Amino acid sequence: MTLFFLAGLRPGAQAADQAPPVVGDVPPPAQTRLIDNPGIYGLGPDLPGSRYAVVAGHLVRIDTASGKIQSVLRPIPPK
């Protein structure tokens, strides 16, 4: 199973097939993969009130209350 599949993309799809995430948008849950161990991605602990996630092949920070994207950190390189 690839990270792209976990992020809600079609099997075999590339991140470029999806529109990049936009700050303020609320991504659909099926396209959002919450990150349980941010250190794997070189990130520190979650900030209070937010969670790190993968959306459309990008690392993002999502507000836990509203589900809105607070920041787009960087794309995840293809494997």
Protein backbone atom coordinates (compact mmCIF):
# COMPACT_ATOMS: atom_id res chain seq x y z
CA MET A 1 0.00 0.00 0.00
CA THR A 2 1.46 3.35 -0.96
CA LEU A 3 1.22 6.65 0.84
CA PHE A 4 -0.78 8.05 -2.08
CA PHE A 5 -3.42 5.37 -1.56
CA LEU A 6 -3.57 6.18 2.16
CA ALA A 7 -3.99 9.85 1.29
CA GLY A 8 -7.22 9.00 -0.52
CA LEU A 9 -5.94 8.97 -4.08
CA ARG A 10 -6.90 6.32 -6.58
CA PRO A 11 -4.49 3.37 -6.66
CA GLY A 12 -1.84 4.19 -9.25
CA ALA A 13 -2.64 7.93 -9.21
CA GLN A 14 0.08 10.50 -8.71
CA ALA A 15 -0.17 13.56 -6.48
CA ALA A 16 -0.04 15.72 -9.62
CA ASP A 17 -3.44 14.26 -10.60
CA GLN A 18 -4.98 16.02 -7.60
CA ALA A 19 -5.28 19.75 -7.06
CA PRO A 20 -2.82 20.88 -4.39
CA PRO A 21 -4.36 21.63 -0.99
CA VAL A 22 -5.31 25.25 -0.28
CA VAL A 23 -5.16 27.04 3.08
CA GLY A 24 -8.70 27.51 4.38
CA ASP A 25 -10.17 24.54 2.51
CA VAL A 26 -11.71 21.59 4.37
CA PRO A 27 -10.50 18.45 2.61
CA PRO A 28 -12.88 15.47 2.44
CA PRO A 29 -12.11 12.84 5.08
CA ALA A 30 -11.55 10.24 2.34
CA GLN A 31 -8.67 12.36 1.00
CA THR A 32 -7.13 13.08 4.40
CA ARG A 33 -4.59 10.85 6.15
CA LEU A 34 -3.88 12.00 9.70
CA ILE A 35 -0.28 11.53 10.79
CA ASP A 36 0.19 9.67 14.07
CA ASN A 37 4.00 9.91 14.15
CA PRO A 38 5.10 13.34 12.80
CA GLY A 39 8.79 12.53 13.42
CA ILE A 40 8.75 10.14 10.45
CA TYR A 41 8.21 13.21 8.26
CA GLY A 42 10.77 15.34 10.10
CA LEU A 43 8.06 17.25 11.96
CA GLY A 44 7.85 18.13 15.64
CA PRO A 45 4.83 17.36 17.81
CA ASP A 46 1.40 18.57 16.74
CA LEU A 47 0.65 22.14 17.75
CA PRO A 48 -2.23 22.55 20.23
CA GLY A 49 -5.53 22.57 18.34
CA SER A 50 -4.11 21.14 15.12
CA ARG A 51 -2.99 17.87 13.53
CA TYR A 52 -0.56 17.08 10.76
CA ALA A 53 -2.01 15.23 7.79
CA VAL A 54 -1.34 14.21 4.20
CA VAL A 55 -3.73 15.69 1.64
CA ALA A 56 -3.24 15.26 -2.13
CA GLY A 57 0.39 14.25 -1.63
CA HIS A 58 1.24 17.26 0.58
CA LEU A 59 1.99 17.57 4.27
CA VAL A 60 -0.49 19.98 5.82
CA ARG A 61 -1.57 21.19 9.26
CA ILE A 62 -5.33 20.93 9.92
CA ASP A 63 -7.39 22.67 12.61
CA THR A 64 -8.93 19.96 14.80
CA ALA A 65 -12.15 21.90 15.47
CA SER A 66 -13.02 23.09 11.95
CA GLY A 67 -11.08 20.66 9.75
CA LYS A 68 -9.68 23.61 7.76
CA ILE A 69 -6.17 23.48 6.36
CA GLN A 70 -4.08 25.95 8.36
CA SER A 71 -0.85 25.57 6.37
CA VAL A 72 0.58 23.59 3.48
CA LEU A 73 4.05 22.50 4.55
CA ARG A 74 5.51 20.69 1.53
CA PRO A 75 4.86 18.02 -1.08
CA ILE A 76 5.78 14.45 -0.26
CA PRO A 77 8.29 13.15 -2.81
CA PRO A 78 7.04 10.20 -4.89
CA LYS A 79 8.46 6.82 -3.95
